[in-house]
Amino acid sequence: MFYSSAEIIASAWPISRSYLYHFNEPNPWPGRWRGHPSHLTDLAFLWQNYDETLAPLSRRVSQLFSADLISFINGRAPWRAYRTVSGNLPMARTYGPSRELLVASVVVARSWDCRRRACIWQFIEEIGADLLYDMVMRSLVEP
């Protein structure tokens, strides 16, 4: 739900004016989503409220993620833009997963290096993003 929307929005901005990231660091805290990257875990890492509970590499992910977003907020390019020249491959910044000894990198968007499933783009091509979104939302509220 968030992955394809973020990519579609990034691709709609003018060249060199959008920046995309994928937060792949797993949720380290007890609960249903422990061990999986999950929505809003990036905010806990951004504010560094729980750094003392993180493993050393996870703490490094948190520090670098925060520094990059602060740079962006202050008008500095935090990493390579989604597209820098017409026709170039789009790029994305990734954070984690530290369990694979990855802290942060810049990778080709929509590639396996982003740690996202490519099949989403096949679904979007076949049925469209709006219908796919509607189906996902219905599946969350209907038994």
C-alpha atoms as a PDB file:
ATOM      1  CA  MET A   1       0.000   0.000   0.000  1.00  0.00           C
ATOM      2  CA  PHE A   2       2.798   2.459   0.861  1.00  0.00           C
ATOM      3  CA  TYR A   3       5.481   1.176  -1.513  1.00  0.00           C
ATOM      4  CA  SER A   4       3.748   1.691  -4.844  1.00  0.00           C
ATOM      5  CA  SER A   5       2.192   5.000  -3.758  1.00  0.00           C
ATOM      6  CA  ALA A   6       5.577   6.397  -2.746  1.00  0.00           C
ATOM      7  CA  GLU A   7       7.145   5.335  -6.062  1.00  0.00           C
ATOM      8  CA  ILE A   8       4.279   6.777  -8.103  1.00  0.00           C
ATOM      9  CA  ILE A   9       4.457  10.100  -6.245  1.00  0.00           C
ATOM     10  CA  ALA A  10       8.266  10.263  -6.574  1.00  0.00           C
ATOM     11  CA  SER A  11       8.028   9.646 -10.320  1.00  0.00           C
ATOM     12  CA  ALA A  12       5.502  12.472 -10.739  1.00  0.00           C
ATOM     13  CA  TRP A  13       7.850  15.161  -9.390  1.00  0.00           C
ATOM     14  CA  PRO A  14      10.213  17.040 -11.723  1.00  0.00           C
ATOM     15  CA  ILE A  15      13.671  15.566 -12.300  1.00  0.00           C
ATOM     16  CA  SER A  16      16.034  16.105  -9.354  1.00  0.00           C
ATOM     17  CA  ARG A  17      13.197  17.272  -7.082  1.00  0.00           C
ATOM     18  CA  SER A  18      12.113  14.053  -5.334  1.00  0.00           C
ATOM     19  CA  TYR A  19      13.856  11.697  -2.951  1.00  0.00           C
ATOM     20  CA  LEU A  20      12.640   8.228  -2.104  1.00  0.00           C
ATOM     21  CA  TYR A  21      13.624   5.973   0.765  1.00  0.00           C
ATOM     22  CA  HIS A  22      12.692   2.468   1.902  1.00  0.00           C
ATOM     23  CA  PHE A  23      13.023   1.695   5.586  1.00  0.00           C
ATOM     24  CA  ASN A  24      13.965  -1.977   5.808  1.00  0.00           C
ATOM     25  CA  GLU A  25      15.126  -2.136   9.404  1.00  0.00           C
ATOM     26  CA  PRO A  26      12.994  -4.666  11.295  1.00  0.00           C
ATOM     27  CA  ASN A  27      10.927  -3.700  14.296  1.00  0.00           C
ATOM     28  CA  PRO A  28      13.006  -4.800  17.324  1.00  0.00           C
ATOM     29  CA  TRP A  29      10.255  -4.523  19.952  1.00  0.00           C
ATOM     30  CA  PRO A  30       7.933  -7.278  21.232  1.00  0.00           C
ATOM     31  CA  GLY A  31       4.626  -7.635  19.454  1.00  0.00           C
ATOM     32  CA  ARG A  32       3.045  -8.858  16.249  1.00  0.00           C
ATOM     33  CA  TRP A  33       5.490  -7.068  13.930  1.00  0.00           C
ATOM     34  CA  ARG A  34       8.723  -7.861  15.753  1.00  0.00           C
ATOM     35  CA  GLY A  35      11.392  -8.857  13.243  1.00  0.00           C
ATOM     36  CA  HIS A  36       9.608  -7.217  10.291  1.00  0.00           C
ATOM     37  CA  PRO A  37       9.992  -3.737   8.816  1.00  0.00           C
ATOM     38  CA  SER A  38       6.710  -2.062   9.628  1.00  0.00           C
ATOM     39  CA  HIS A  39       4.933   1.221   9.135  1.00  0.00           C
ATOM     40  CA  LEU A  40       5.906   3.810  11.751  1.00  0.00           C
ATOM     41  CA  THR A  41       9.021   1.972  12.934  1.00  0.00           C
ATOM     42  CA  ASP A  42      10.887   4.584  10.927  1.00  0.00           C
ATOM     43  CA  LEU A  43       9.453   7.305  13.166  1.00  0.00           C
ATOM     44  CA  ALA A  44      10.797   5.637  16.311  1.00  0.00           C
ATOM     45  CA  PHE A  45      14.182   5.490  14.611  1.00  0.00           C
ATOM     46  CA  LEU A  46      13.902   9.077  13.359  1.00  0.00           C
ATOM     47  CA  TRP A  47      13.328  10.515  16.841  1.00  0.00           C
ATOM     48  CA  GLN A  48      15.921   8.171  18.387  1.00  0.00           C
ATOM     49  CA  ASN A  49      13.696   7.742  21.456  1.00  0.00           C
ATOM     50  CA  TYR A  50      14.706   4.113  21.902  1.00  0.00           C
ATOM     51  CA  ASP A  51      18.320   4.090  20.749  1.00  0.00           C
ATOM     52  CA  GLU A  52      19.514   2.665  24.072  1.00  0.00           C
ATOM     53  CA  THR A  53      17.438  -0.480  23.368  1.00  0.00           C
ATOM     54  CA  LEU A  54      18.860  -1.026  19.870  1.00  0.00           C
ATOM     55  CA  ALA A  55      21.682  -3.280  18.764  1.00  0.00           C
ATOM     56  CA  PRO A  56      24.779  -1.318  17.617  1.00  0.00           C
ATOM     57  CA  LEU A  57      24.073  -1.602  13.864  1.00  0.00           C
ATOM     58  CA  SER A  58      20.388  -0.746  14.366  1.00  0.00           C
ATOM     59  CA  ARG A  59      21.484   2.299  16.341  1.00  0.00           C
ATOM     60  CA  ARG A  60      23.695   3.298  13.391  1.00  0.00           C
ATOM     61  CA  VAL A  61      20.683   2.958  11.059  1.00  0.00           C
ATOM     62  CA  SER A  62      18.741   5.244  13.418  1.00  0.00           C
ATOM     63  CA  GLN A  63      21.499   7.857  13.539  1.00  0.00           C
ATOM     64  CA  LEU A  64      22.062   7.922   9.775  1.00  0.00           C
ATOM     65  CA  PHE A  65      18.327   7.986   9.021  1.00  0.00           C
ATOM     66  CA  SER A  66      17.832  10.956  11.367  1.00  0.00           C
ATOM     67  CA  ALA A  67      20.833  12.820   9.952  1.00  0.00           C
ATOM     68  CA  ASP A  68      19.610  12.319   6.375  1.00  0.00           C
ATOM     69  CA  LEU A  69      16.097  13.569   7.123  1.00  0.00           C
ATOM     70  CA  ILE A  70      17.414  16.586   9.022  1.00  0.00           C
ATOM     71  CA  SER A  71      19.594  17.407   5.997  1.00  0.00           C
ATOM     72  CA  PHE A  72      16.555  17.141   3.732  1.00  0.00           C
ATOM     73  CA  ILE A  73      14.440  19.353   6.005  1.00  0.00           C
ATOM     74  CA  ASN A  74      17.237  21.954   5.890  1.00  0.00           C
ATOM     75  CA  GLY A  75      17.228  22.033   2.095  1.00  0.00           C
ATOM     76  CA  ARG A  76      20.238  19.811   1.436  1.00  0.00           C
ATOM     77  CA  ALA A  77      20.046  16.779  -0.830  1.00  0.00           C
ATOM     78  CA  PRO A  78      20.279  13.845   1.606  1.00  0.00           C
ATOM     79  CA  TRP A  79      21.123  11.312  -1.136  1.00  0.00           C
ATOM     80  CA  ARG A  80      20.848  11.023  -4.897  1.00  0.00           C
ATOM     81  CA  ALA A  81      17.486  12.210  -6.227  1.00  0.00           C
ATOM     82  CA  TYR A  82      14.934   9.711  -7.520  1.00  0.00           C
ATOM     83  CA  ARG A  83      15.802  10.824 -11.070  1.00  0.00           C
ATOM     84  CA  THR A  84      18.651  13.134 -11.979  1.00  0.00           C
ATOM     85  CA  VAL A  85      18.435  13.045 -15.770  1.00  0.00           C
ATOM     86  CA  SER A  86      15.596  12.073 -18.072  1.00  0.00           C
ATOM     87  CA  GLY A  87      15.954   8.412 -18.977  1.00  0.00           C
ATOM     88  CA  ASN A  88      18.171   7.516 -16.006  1.00  0.00           C
ATOM     89  CA  LEU A  89      17.091   4.709 -13.748  1.00  0.00           C
ATOM     90  CA  PRO A  90      15.249   5.945 -10.657  1.00  0.00           C
ATOM     91  CA  MET A  91      17.141   5.603  -7.379  1.00  0.00           C
ATOM     92  CA  ALA A  92      16.087   5.098  -3.769  1.00  0.00           C
ATOM     93  CA  ARG A  93      17.841   5.254  -0.409  1.00  0.00           C
ATOM     94  CA  THR A  94      17.500   2.161   1.758  1.00  0.00           C
ATOM     95  CA  TYR A  95      17.998   1.832   5.501  1.00  0.00           C
ATOM     96  CA  GLY A  96      18.793  -1.652   6.810  1.00  0.00           C
ATOM     97  CA  PRO A  97      18.234  -4.432   7.347  1.00  0.00           C
ATOM     98  CA  SER A  98      21.131  -4.424   9.786  1.00  0.00           C
ATOM     99  CA  ARG A  99      20.761  -8.189  10.325  1.00  0.00           C
ATOM    100  CA  GLU A 100      22.178  -8.460   6.777  1.00  0.00           C
ATOM    101  CA  LEU A 101      24.930  -6.008   7.762  1.00  0.00           C
ATOM    102  CA  LEU A 102      23.288  -3.241   5.730  1.00  0.00           C
ATOM    103  CA  VAL A 103      23.021   0.202   7.272  1.00  0.00           C
ATOM    104  CA  ALA A 104      22.200   2.442   4.311  1.00  0.00           C
ATOM    105  CA  SER A 105      22.771   2.559   0.587  1.00  0.00           C
ATOM    106  CA  VAL A 106      21.455   4.105  -2.611  1.00  0.00           C
ATOM    107  CA  VAL A 107      20.060   1.507  -5.017  1.00  0.00           C
ATOM    108  CA  VAL A 108      18.065   1.293  -8.222  1.00  0.00           C
ATOM    109  CA  ALA A 109      14.405   1.774  -7.347  1.00  0.00           C
ATOM    110  CA  ARG A 110      12.117  -1.182  -8.032  1.00  0.00           C
ATOM    111  CA  SER A 111      15.081  -3.560  -7.907  1.00  0.00           C
ATOM    112  CA  TRP A 112      15.483  -6.379  -5.404  1.00  0.00           C
ATOM    113  CA  ASP A 113      18.042  -4.206  -3.596  1.00  0.00           C
ATOM    114  CA  CYS A 114      15.070  -2.180  -2.280  1.00  0.00           C
ATOM    115  CA  ARG A 115      13.771  -5.346  -0.572  1.00  0.00           C
ATOM    116  CA  ARG A 116      10.309  -4.939  -2.124  1.00  0.00           C
ATOM    117  CA  ARG A 117       8.296  -7.407  -4.172  1.00  0.00           C
ATOM    118  CA  ALA A 118       8.302  -6.614  -7.888  1.00  0.00           C
ATOM    119  CA  CYS A 119       4.947  -8.336  -8.473  1.00  0.00           C
ATOM    120  CA  ILE A 120       3.153  -5.201  -7.286  1.00  0.00           C
ATOM    121  CA  TRP A 121       4.065  -3.531 -10.582  1.00  0.00           C
ATOM    122  CA  GLN A 122       2.578  -6.441 -12.547  1.00  0.00           C
ATOM    123  CA  PHE A 123      -0.688  -6.025 -10.639  1.00  0.00           C
ATOM    124  CA  ILE A 124      -0.677  -2.277 -11.243  1.00  0.00           C
ATOM    125  CA  GLU A 125      -0.024  -2.786 -14.948  1.00  0.00           C
ATOM    126  CA  GLU A 126      -2.880  -5.300 -15.216  1.00  0.00           C
ATOM    127  CA  ILE A 127      -5.579  -3.687 -13.059  1.00  0.00           C
ATOM    128  CA  GLY A 128      -4.302  -0.208 -12.176  1.00  0.00           C
ATOM    129  CA  ALA A 129      -3.086   1.294  -8.916  1.00  0.00           C
ATOM    130  CA  ASP A 130      -6.494   2.629  -7.863  1.00  0.00           C
ATOM    131  CA  LEU A 131      -8.229  -0.736  -8.109  1.00  0.00           C
ATOM    132  CA  LEU A 132      -5.341  -2.483  -6.350  1.00  0.00           C
ATOM    133  CA  TYR A 133      -5.536   0.067  -3.523  1.00  0.00           C
ATOM    134  CA  ASP A 134      -9.317  -0.435  -3.230  1.00  0.00           C
ATOM    135  CA  MET A 135      -8.847  -4.206  -3.051  1.00  0.00           C
ATOM    136  CA  VAL A 136      -6.219  -3.911  -0.309  1.00  0.00           C
ATOM    137  CA  MET A 137      -8.354  -1.528   1.726  1.00  0.00           C
ATOM    138  CA  ARG A 138     -11.409  -3.800   1.410  1.00  0.00           C
ATOM    139  CA  SER A 139      -9.376  -6.780   2.554  1.00  0.00           C
ATOM    140  CA  LEU A 140      -8.463  -4.898   5.730  1.00  0.00           C
ATOM    141  CA  VAL A 141     -12.067  -4.203   6.739  1.00  0.00           C
ATOM    142  CA  GLU A 142     -13.982  -7.191   5.338  1.00  0.00           C
ATOM    143  CA  PRO A 143     -13.633 -10.719   6.740  1.00  0.00           C
END
